[in-house]
C-alpha cells in the first residue's frame, strides 16, 4: 500500500504515553507526535520517555512542531526570534525520529494588520532559517494550510504553494480538514501531488472539529480515490481518542484505494 496510515491526537498532549500502544494494536503503522505539553521533545525526560515507548513498538514517526503562542510572521522581533528558535530546536530533536516535521505558518497580529506585506516577508525569512536547519538535519519542514480564521496565513493553496516555493528544506503538509473549513477541499485536491505530507480528519465545514472520517461533510470516497492516485507516503489521521482512531482507520481502508 502506497498510503501509510499514522494517527495523531493533539488532545492528549498532557496525558501519559500509555495510549500510544493502542495505536499500533488498532493497526496503524505510525504515530505523529504533537511536540507540545508532555510531548515537547526539548524536555529531556519527555524525549527519553518517547524514545523508550517507540522502542517497544514498531511504529513509524512524524512530528508536529509546537505552535501555541508562537508566530513565525510576528512583527514583534523578540517573539519572532523565539518562534523560530523553538521550531529549529524541535527539528533538531525530531531528526532522531523522523524526516518529516509539520509546522504552522504565522498570522496577522494587530500590528501586522497595518503592514501585511511586512508580515509575509517575515514569514518568508523565518522559513529561510528553518529550511537551513531542516536541511542540515536531514528533515523536511512542512508548512501546513490553516483553518478559516481570517488572520491566519496559508488558508488557500495558492498562498502556501507560493510561500514555500524554492526554499530548500521546506515542504508542504496538506490538511483536508482545515481545507474543508474554508470550502476548499477540491482546490487542495487539485494540487495533492505537490504535497509532501498529509493530514486528514472530518468536520462540518464551520470549525476544526477533528471528527472521525465520515462523521462530517468531506466527500471521502472522492477524496480518497484522488489521494490514492496522486500521493504516496504517510497519511496522518488526526483524532481525539482511540475509538475514533479505530473507526477512521476502517473508513480509510474502505475509501483510500
C-alpha atoms as a PDB file:
ATOM      1  CA  UNK A   1       0.000   0.000   0.000  1.00  0.00           C
ATOM      2  CA  UNK A   2       1.496   3.337  -1.051  1.00  0.00           C
ATOM      3  CA  UNK A   3      -0.513   5.218   1.605  1.00  0.00           C
ATOM      4  CA  UNK A   4       0.720   4.611   5.148  1.00  0.00           C
ATOM      5  CA  UNK A   5      -1.753   5.386   7.980  1.00  0.00           C
ATOM      6  CA  UNK A   6      -0.477   7.269  11.033  1.00  0.00           C
ATOM      7  CA  UNK A   7      -2.548   8.507  13.973  1.00  0.00           C
ATOM      8  CA  UNK A   8      -2.214  11.734  15.954  1.00  0.00           C
ATOM      9  CA  UNK A   9      -4.182  13.223  18.864  1.00  0.00           C
ATOM     10  CA  UNK A  10      -3.342  16.780  19.912  1.00  0.00           C
ATOM     11  CA  UNK A  11      -5.928  16.465  22.699  1.00  0.00           C
ATOM     12  CA  UNK A  12      -3.656  14.044  24.573  1.00  0.00           C
ATOM     13  CA  UNK A  13      -0.528  16.188  24.979  1.00  0.00           C
ATOM     14  CA  UNK A  14      -0.963  16.392  28.781  1.00  0.00           C
ATOM     15  CA  UNK A  15      -1.574  12.638  29.184  1.00  0.00           C
ATOM     16  CA  UNK A  16       0.854   9.757  29.769  1.00  0.00           C
ATOM     17  CA  UNK A  17       2.199   7.759  26.840  1.00  0.00           C
ATOM     18  CA  UNK A  18       0.221   4.564  27.580  1.00  0.00           C
ATOM     19  CA  UNK A  19      -2.377   5.203  24.870  1.00  0.00           C
ATOM     20  CA  UNK A  20       0.290   5.015  22.171  1.00  0.00           C
ATOM     21  CA  UNK A  21       0.413   1.224  22.384  1.00  0.00           C
ATOM     22  CA  UNK A  22      -3.236   1.148  21.331  1.00  0.00           C
ATOM     23  CA  UNK A  23      -2.381   2.971  18.096  1.00  0.00           C
ATOM     24  CA  UNK A  24      -0.310   0.015  16.930  1.00  0.00           C
ATOM     25  CA  UNK A  25      -2.824  -2.544  18.231  1.00  0.00           C
ATOM     26  CA  UNK A  26      -5.590  -0.951  16.162  1.00  0.00           C
ATOM     27  CA  UNK A  27      -3.470  -1.348  13.038  1.00  0.00           C
ATOM     28  CA  UNK A  28      -1.757   1.981  12.416  1.00  0.00           C
ATOM     29  CA  UNK A  29       1.772   1.966  11.018  1.00  0.00           C
ATOM     30  CA  UNK A  30       2.836   5.243  12.576  1.00  0.00           C
ATOM     31  CA  UNK A  31       2.291   7.961  15.158  1.00  0.00           C
ATOM     32  CA  UNK A  32       2.585  11.702  14.621  1.00  0.00           C
ATOM     33  CA  UNK A  33       3.936  13.241  17.806  1.00  0.00           C
ATOM     34  CA  UNK A  34       2.421  16.617  18.645  1.00  0.00           C
ATOM     35  CA  UNK A  35       5.505  18.097  20.308  1.00  0.00           C
ATOM     36  CA  UNK A  36       3.821  20.172  22.976  1.00  0.00           C
ATOM     37  CA  UNK A  37       2.773  19.772  26.619  1.00  0.00           C
ATOM     38  CA  UNK A  38       4.197  16.470  27.958  1.00  0.00           C
ATOM     39  CA  UNK A  39       5.366  15.646  24.451  1.00  0.00           C
ATOM     40  CA  UNK A  40       7.806  18.516  23.936  1.00  0.00           C
ATOM     41  CA  UNK A  41      10.965  16.990  22.520  1.00  0.00           C
ATOM     42  CA  UNK A  42      13.241  19.597  24.105  1.00  0.00           C
ATOM     43  CA  UNK A  43      12.324  18.330  27.585  1.00  0.00           C
ATOM     44  CA  UNK A  44      14.915  15.589  28.313  1.00  0.00           C
ATOM     45  CA  UNK A  45      12.585  13.408  30.394  1.00  0.00           C
ATOM     46  CA  UNK A  46       9.844  13.664  27.757  1.00  0.00           C
ATOM     47  CA  UNK A  47      12.241  12.804  24.960  1.00  0.00           C
ATOM     48  CA  UNK A  48      13.619   9.794  26.820  1.00  0.00           C
ATOM     49  CA  UNK A  49      10.115   8.513  27.581  1.00  0.00           C
ATOM     50  CA  UNK A  50       9.037   8.927  23.954  1.00  0.00           C
ATOM     51  CA  UNK A  51      12.070   7.025  22.668  1.00  0.00           C
ATOM     52  CA  UNK A  52      11.513   4.233  25.204  1.00  0.00           C
ATOM     53  CA  UNK A  53       7.869   3.998  24.184  1.00  0.00           C
ATOM     54  CA  UNK A  54       8.747   3.842  20.494  1.00  0.00           C
ATOM     55  CA  UNK A  55      11.444   1.218  21.100  1.00  0.00           C
ATOM     56  CA  UNK A  56       8.774  -1.172  22.382  1.00  0.00           C
ATOM     57  CA  UNK A  57       6.586  -0.720  19.286  1.00  0.00           C
ATOM     58  CA  UNK A  58       7.072  -0.958  15.548  1.00  0.00           C
ATOM     59  CA  UNK A  59       5.552   2.459  14.925  1.00  0.00           C
ATOM     60  CA  UNK A  60       6.959   4.858  12.377  1.00  0.00           C
ATOM     61  CA  UNK A  61       7.079   8.520  13.387  1.00  0.00           C
ATOM     62  CA  UNK A  62       6.409  12.007  12.126  1.00  0.00           C
ATOM     63  CA  UNK A  63       6.386  15.148  14.284  1.00  0.00           C
ATOM     64  CA  UNK A  64       4.152  18.207  14.545  1.00  0.00           C
ATOM     65  CA  UNK A  65       6.171  21.122  15.898  1.00  0.00           C
ATOM     66  CA  UNK A  66       4.794  23.257  18.770  1.00  0.00           C
ATOM     67  CA  UNK A  67       2.573  26.153  17.739  1.00  0.00           C
ATOM     68  CA  UNK A  68       0.831  27.524  20.833  1.00  0.00           C
ATOM     69  CA  UNK A  69       1.794  31.181  21.447  1.00  0.00           C
ATOM     70  CA  UNK A  70       4.247  31.184  18.528  1.00  0.00           C
ATOM     71  CA  UNK A  71       4.072  33.380  15.421  1.00  0.00           C
ATOM     72  CA  UNK A  72       6.560  32.943  12.584  1.00  0.00           C
ATOM     73  CA  UNK A  73       5.193  36.108  10.946  1.00  0.00           C
ATOM     74  CA  UNK A  74       5.304  38.363  14.011  1.00  0.00           C
ATOM     75  CA  UNK A  75       6.494  41.951  13.653  1.00  0.00           C
ATOM     76  CA  UNK A  76       7.417  41.880  17.355  1.00  0.00           C
ATOM     77  CA  UNK A  77      11.052  40.921  16.857  1.00  0.00           C
ATOM     78  CA  UNK A  78      11.683  39.035  20.144  1.00  0.00           C
ATOM     79  CA  UNK A  79       8.516  36.958  19.614  1.00  0.00           C
ATOM     80  CA  UNK A  80       9.547  36.247  16.019  1.00  0.00           C
ATOM     81  CA  UNK A  81      13.036  35.156  17.051  1.00  0.00           C
ATOM     82  CA  UNK A  82      11.719  32.917  19.835  1.00  0.00           C
ATOM     83  CA  UNK A  83       9.205  31.319  17.459  1.00  0.00           C
ATOM     84  CA  UNK A  84      11.991  30.456  15.019  1.00  0.00           C
ATOM     85  CA  UNK A  85      14.210  29.188  17.840  1.00  0.00           C
ATOM     86  CA  UNK A  86      11.568  26.775  19.116  1.00  0.00           C
ATOM     87  CA  UNK A  87      10.832  25.367  15.654  1.00  0.00           C
ATOM     88  CA  UNK A  88      14.537  24.901  14.892  1.00  0.00           C
ATOM     89  CA  UNK A  89      15.041  23.219  18.269  1.00  0.00           C
ATOM     90  CA  UNK A  90      12.151  20.846  17.632  1.00  0.00           C
ATOM     91  CA  UNK A  91      13.597  19.926  14.231  1.00  0.00           C
ATOM     92  CA  UNK A  92      16.963  19.028  15.760  1.00  0.00           C
ATOM     93  CA  UNK A  93      15.357  16.623  18.230  1.00  0.00           C
ATOM     94  CA  UNK A  94      12.845  15.290  15.715  1.00  0.00           C
ATOM     95  CA  UNK A  95      15.673  14.356  13.330  1.00  0.00           C
ATOM     96  CA  UNK A  96      16.488  11.425  15.635  1.00  0.00           C
ATOM     97  CA  UNK A  97      12.999  10.050  14.980  1.00  0.00           C
ATOM     98  CA  UNK A  98      11.809  11.127  11.521  1.00  0.00           C
ATOM     99  CA  UNK A  99      12.437  13.075   8.329  1.00  0.00           C
ATOM    100  CA  UNK A 100       9.079  14.942   8.374  1.00  0.00           C
ATOM    101  CA  UNK A 101       8.127  17.811  10.703  1.00  0.00           C
ATOM    102  CA  UNK A 102       4.914  19.798  10.220  1.00  0.00           C
ATOM    103  CA  UNK A 103       4.965  23.483  11.171  1.00  0.00           C
ATOM    104  CA  UNK A 104       2.219  26.114  11.351  1.00  0.00           C
ATOM    105  CA  UNK A 105       2.605  29.364   9.441  1.00  0.00           C
ATOM    106  CA  UNK A 106       2.189  32.649  11.260  1.00  0.00           C
ATOM    107  CA  UNK A 107      -0.735  35.014  11.477  1.00  0.00           C
ATOM    108  CA  UNK A 108      -1.625  38.690  11.341  1.00  0.00           C
ATOM    109  CA  UNK A 109      -1.299  40.333  14.749  1.00  0.00           C
ATOM    110  CA  UNK A 110      -2.996  43.696  15.409  1.00  0.00           C
ATOM    111  CA  UNK A 111       0.295  45.360  14.436  1.00  0.00           C
ATOM    112  CA  UNK A 112       0.690  43.093  11.423  1.00  0.00           C
ATOM    113  CA  UNK A 113      -2.723  44.031  10.038  1.00  0.00           C
ATOM    114  CA  UNK A 114      -1.307  47.516   9.460  1.00  0.00           C
ATOM    115  CA  UNK A 115       1.545  46.130   7.328  1.00  0.00           C
ATOM    116  CA  UNK A 116       0.534  42.791   5.711  1.00  0.00           C
ATOM    117  CA  UNK A 117       3.365  42.895   3.170  1.00  0.00           C
ATOM    118  CA  UNK A 118       5.876  43.052   6.021  1.00  0.00           C
ATOM    119  CA  UNK A 119       4.153  40.072   7.657  1.00  0.00           C
ATOM    120  CA  UNK A 120       4.598  37.917   4.562  1.00  0.00           C
ATOM    121  CA  UNK A 121       8.259  38.952   4.338  1.00  0.00           C
ATOM    122  CA  UNK A 122       8.758  37.980   7.984  1.00  0.00           C
ATOM    123  CA  UNK A 123       7.161  34.599   7.320  1.00  0.00           C
ATOM    124  CA  UNK A 124       9.389  34.019   4.287  1.00  0.00           C
ATOM    125  CA  UNK A 125      12.515  34.997   6.232  1.00  0.00           C
ATOM    126  CA  UNK A 126      11.542  32.624   9.038  1.00  0.00           C
ATOM    127  CA  UNK A 127      11.178  29.764   6.570  1.00  0.00           C
ATOM    128  CA  UNK A 128      14.598  30.524   5.092  1.00  0.00           C
ATOM    129  CA  UNK A 129      16.160  30.000   8.542  1.00  0.00           C
ATOM    130  CA  UNK A 130      14.046  26.970   9.389  1.00  0.00           C
ATOM    131  CA  UNK A 131      14.753  25.417   5.995  1.00  0.00           C
ATOM    132  CA  UNK A 132      18.504  25.686   6.549  1.00  0.00           C
ATOM    133  CA  UNK A 133      18.153  23.946   9.909  1.00  0.00           C
ATOM    134  CA  UNK A 134      15.980  21.244   8.384  1.00  0.00           C
ATOM    135  CA  UNK A 135      18.415  20.610   5.542  1.00  0.00           C
ATOM    136  CA  UNK A 136      21.319  20.338   7.965  1.00  0.00           C
ATOM    137  CA  UNK A 137      19.338  17.759   9.972  1.00  0.00           C
ATOM    138  CA  UNK A 138      18.097  15.734   7.003  1.00  0.00           C
ATOM    139  CA  UNK A 139      14.496  16.772   7.667  1.00  0.00           C
ATOM    140  CA  UNK A 140      11.780  18.359   5.541  1.00  0.00           C
ATOM    141  CA  UNK A 141       9.882  21.058   7.472  1.00  0.00           C
ATOM    142  CA  UNK A 142       6.374  21.062   6.014  1.00  0.00           C
ATOM    143  CA  UNK A 143       4.191  24.173   6.286  1.00  0.00           C
ATOM    144  CA  UNK A 144       0.527  23.345   6.938  1.00  0.00           C
ATOM    145  CA  UNK A 145      -2.512  25.064   5.435  1.00  0.00           C
ATOM    146  CA  UNK A 146      -4.708  26.682   8.068  1.00  0.00           C
ATOM    147  CA  UNK A 147      -8.345  26.855   9.167  1.00  0.00           C
ATOM    148  CA  UNK A 148     -10.889  29.534   8.260  1.00  0.00           C
ATOM    149  CA  UNK A 149      -9.705  32.276  10.596  1.00  0.00           C
ATOM    150  CA  UNK A 150      -9.069  35.389   8.524  1.00  0.00           C
ATOM    151  CA  UNK A 151      -5.860  36.357  10.316  1.00  0.00           C
ATOM    152  CA  UNK A 152      -4.080  33.068   9.550  1.00  0.00           C
ATOM    153  CA  UNK A 153      -1.697  32.872   6.619  1.00  0.00           C
ATOM    154  CA  UNK A 154      -1.855  29.964   4.145  1.00  0.00           C
ATOM    155  CA  UNK A 155      -5.578  29.243   4.056  1.00  0.00           C
ATOM    156  CA  UNK A 156      -5.531  28.943   0.256  1.00  0.00           C
ATOM    157  CA  UNK A 157      -3.477  26.547  -1.899  1.00  0.00           C
ATOM    158  CA  UNK A 158      -2.012  29.411  -3.924  1.00  0.00           C
ATOM    159  CA  UNK A 159      -0.726  31.047  -0.734  1.00  0.00           C
ATOM    160  CA  UNK A 160       1.036  28.004   0.656  1.00  0.00           C
ATOM    161  CA  UNK A 161       2.460  26.947  -2.705  1.00  0.00           C
ATOM    162  CA  UNK A 162       3.783  30.436  -3.403  1.00  0.00           C
ATOM    163  CA  UNK A 163       5.189  30.913   0.082  1.00  0.00           C
ATOM    164  CA  UNK A 164       7.174  27.666   0.141  1.00  0.00           C
ATOM    165  CA  UNK A 165       8.335  27.550  -3.477  1.00  0.00           C
ATOM    166  CA  UNK A 166      12.085  27.369  -3.914  1.00  0.00           C
ATOM    167  CA  UNK A 167      13.048  27.279  -0.225  1.00  0.00           C
ATOM    168  CA  UNK A 168      15.436  24.366   0.445  1.00  0.00           C
ATOM    169  CA  UNK A 169      14.390  22.210   3.391  1.00  0.00           C
ATOM    170  CA  UNK A 170      10.778  23.428   3.274  1.00  0.00           C
ATOM    171  CA  UNK A 171       7.840  21.321   2.089  1.00  0.00           C
ATOM    172  CA  UNK A 172       4.053  21.319   2.427  1.00  0.00           C
ATOM    173  CA  UNK A 173       1.574  19.491   4.648  1.00  0.00           C
ATOM    174  CA  UNK A 174      -1.920  19.482   3.175  1.00  0.00           C
ATOM    175  CA  UNK A 175      -4.646  19.252   5.814  1.00  0.00           C
ATOM    176  CA  UNK A 176      -8.020  18.377   4.255  1.00  0.00           C
ATOM    177  CA  UNK A 177      -9.912  19.064   7.467  1.00  0.00           C
ATOM    178  CA  UNK A 178      -8.526  22.595   7.507  1.00  0.00           C
ATOM    179  CA  UNK A 179      -9.316  22.944   3.797  1.00  0.00           C
ATOM    180  CA  UNK A 180     -12.939  21.971   4.453  1.00  0.00           C
ATOM    181  CA  UNK A 181     -13.428  24.824   6.922  1.00  0.00           C
ATOM    182  CA  UNK A 182     -12.540  27.163   4.039  1.00  0.00           C
ATOM    183  CA  UNK A 183     -14.695  25.322   1.483  1.00  0.00           C
ATOM    184  CA  UNK A 184     -11.545  24.396  -0.426  1.00  0.00           C
ATOM    185  CA  UNK A 185     -11.289  20.588  -0.386  1.00  0.00           C
ATOM    186  CA  UNK A 186     -11.470  20.345  -4.187  1.00  0.00           C
ATOM    187  CA  UNK A 187      -8.973  23.192  -4.591  1.00  0.00           C
ATOM    188  CA  UNK A 188      -6.420  21.394  -2.426  1.00  0.00           C
ATOM    189  CA  UNK A 189      -7.102  18.011  -4.021  1.00  0.00           C
ATOM    190  CA  UNK A 190      -6.234  19.596  -7.381  1.00  0.00           C
ATOM    191  CA  UNK A 191      -2.690  20.076  -6.016  1.00  0.00           C
ATOM    192  CA  UNK A 192      -2.421  16.879  -3.971  1.00  0.00           C
ATOM    193  CA  UNK A 193       0.548  15.653  -5.997  1.00  0.00           C
ATOM    194  CA  UNK A 194       2.531  18.630  -4.682  1.00  0.00           C
ATOM    195  CA  UNK A 195       2.034  17.666  -1.017  1.00  0.00           C
ATOM    196  CA  UNK A 196       4.959  16.275   0.970  1.00  0.00           C
ATOM    197  CA  UNK A 197       2.836  15.206   3.946  1.00  0.00           C
ATOM    198  CA  UNK A 198      -0.886  14.791   4.572  1.00  0.00           C
ATOM    199  CA  UNK A 199      -3.304  15.277   7.473  1.00  0.00           C
ATOM    200  CA  UNK A 200      -6.911  14.100   7.319  1.00  0.00           C
ATOM    201  CA  UNK A 201      -9.871  14.431   9.703  1.00  0.00           C
ATOM    202  CA  UNK A 202     -13.512  15.425   9.334  1.00  0.00           C
ATOM    203  CA  UNK A 203     -15.717  18.389  10.243  1.00  0.00           C
ATOM    204  CA  UNK A 204     -18.927  20.092   9.121  1.00  0.00           C
ATOM    205  CA  UNK A 205     -17.180  22.942   7.310  1.00  0.00           C
ATOM    206  CA  UNK A 206     -17.556  25.503  10.079  1.00  0.00           C
ATOM    207  CA  UNK A 207     -14.839  24.724  12.628  1.00  0.00           C
ATOM    208  CA  UNK A 208     -11.836  22.451  13.182  1.00  0.00           C
ATOM    209  CA  UNK A 209     -13.726  19.631  14.937  1.00  0.00           C
ATOM    210  CA  UNK A 210     -11.239  16.781  14.283  1.00  0.00           C
ATOM    211  CA  UNK A 211     -14.033  14.225  13.859  1.00  0.00           C
ATOM    212  CA  UNK A 212     -13.623  10.633  12.740  1.00  0.00           C
ATOM    213  CA  UNK A 213     -13.639  10.153   8.963  1.00  0.00           C
ATOM    214  CA  UNK A 214     -17.237  10.030   7.780  1.00  0.00           C
ATOM    215  CA  UNK A 215     -18.679  11.976  10.722  1.00  0.00           C
ATOM    216  CA  UNK A 216     -18.580  15.318   8.876  1.00  0.00           C
ATOM    217  CA  UNK A 217     -19.141  16.643   5.373  1.00  0.00           C
ATOM    218  CA  UNK A 218     -15.909  15.858   3.500  1.00  0.00           C
ATOM    219  CA  UNK A 219     -16.611  13.591   0.469  1.00  0.00           C
ATOM    220  CA  UNK A 220     -14.103  10.925   1.464  1.00  0.00           C
ATOM    221  CA  UNK A 221     -14.833   8.466  -1.332  1.00  0.00           C
ATOM    222  CA  UNK A 222     -13.863  11.079  -3.920  1.00  0.00           C
ATOM    223  CA  UNK A 223     -11.008  12.461  -1.817  1.00  0.00           C
ATOM    224  CA  UNK A 224      -9.647   9.003  -1.067  1.00  0.00           C
ATOM    225  CA  UNK A 225      -9.532   7.988  -4.718  1.00  0.00           C
ATOM    226  CA  UNK A 226      -7.776  11.216  -5.697  1.00  0.00           C
ATOM    227  CA  UNK A 227      -5.234  10.939  -2.903  1.00  0.00           C
ATOM    228  CA  UNK A 228      -4.509   7.271  -3.644  1.00  0.00           C
ATOM    229  CA  UNK A 229      -3.863   8.162  -7.279  1.00  0.00           C
ATOM    230  CA  UNK A 230      -1.580  11.163  -6.830  1.00  0.00           C
ATOM    231  CA  UNK A 231       0.013  10.942  -3.378  1.00  0.00           C
ATOM    232  CA  UNK A 232       2.365   8.417  -1.803  1.00  0.00           C
ATOM    233  CA  UNK A 233       3.519   8.330   1.800  1.00  0.00           C
ATOM    234  CA  UNK A 234       2.261   8.880   5.346  1.00  0.00           C
ATOM    235  CA  UNK A 235      -1.367   9.899   5.817  1.00  0.00           C
ATOM    236  CA  UNK A 236      -1.843  11.227   9.351  1.00  0.00           C
ATOM    237  CA  UNK A 237      -5.372  10.675  10.637  1.00  0.00           C
ATOM    238  CA  UNK A 238      -5.931  13.251  13.367  1.00  0.00           C
ATOM    239  CA  UNK A 239      -8.485  12.389  16.033  1.00  0.00           C
ATOM    240  CA  UNK A 240      -9.405  12.671  19.675  1.00  0.00           C
ATOM    241  CA  UNK A 241      -9.341   9.126  21.041  1.00  0.00           C
ATOM    242  CA  UNK A 242      -8.672   5.502  20.138  1.00  0.00           C
ATOM    243  CA  UNK A 243     -12.314   4.694  19.419  1.00  0.00           C
ATOM    244  CA  UNK A 244     -12.359   7.368  16.725  1.00  0.00           C
ATOM    245  CA  UNK A 245      -8.944   6.172  15.562  1.00  0.00           C
ATOM    246  CA  UNK A 246     -10.399   2.698  15.013  1.00  0.00           C
ATOM    247  CA  UNK A 247     -13.416   3.990  13.067  1.00  0.00           C
ATOM    248  CA  UNK A 248     -11.268   6.334  10.974  1.00  0.00           C
ATOM    249  CA  UNK A 249      -8.868   3.553  10.042  1.00  0.00           C
ATOM    250  CA  UNK A 250     -11.751   1.370   8.852  1.00  0.00           C
ATOM    251  CA  UNK A 251     -13.009   4.282   6.722  1.00  0.00           C
ATOM    252  CA  UNK A 252      -9.512   4.916   5.397  1.00  0.00           C
ATOM    253  CA  UNK A 253      -9.167   1.304   4.280  1.00  0.00           C
ATOM    254  CA  UNK A 254     -12.545   1.483   2.572  1.00  0.00           C
ATOM    255  CA  UNK A 255     -12.152   4.775   0.717  1.00  0.00           C
ATOM    256  CA  UNK A 256      -8.427   5.301   0.097  1.00  0.00           C
ATOM    257  CA  UNK A 257      -7.995   2.799  -2.712  1.00  0.00           C
END
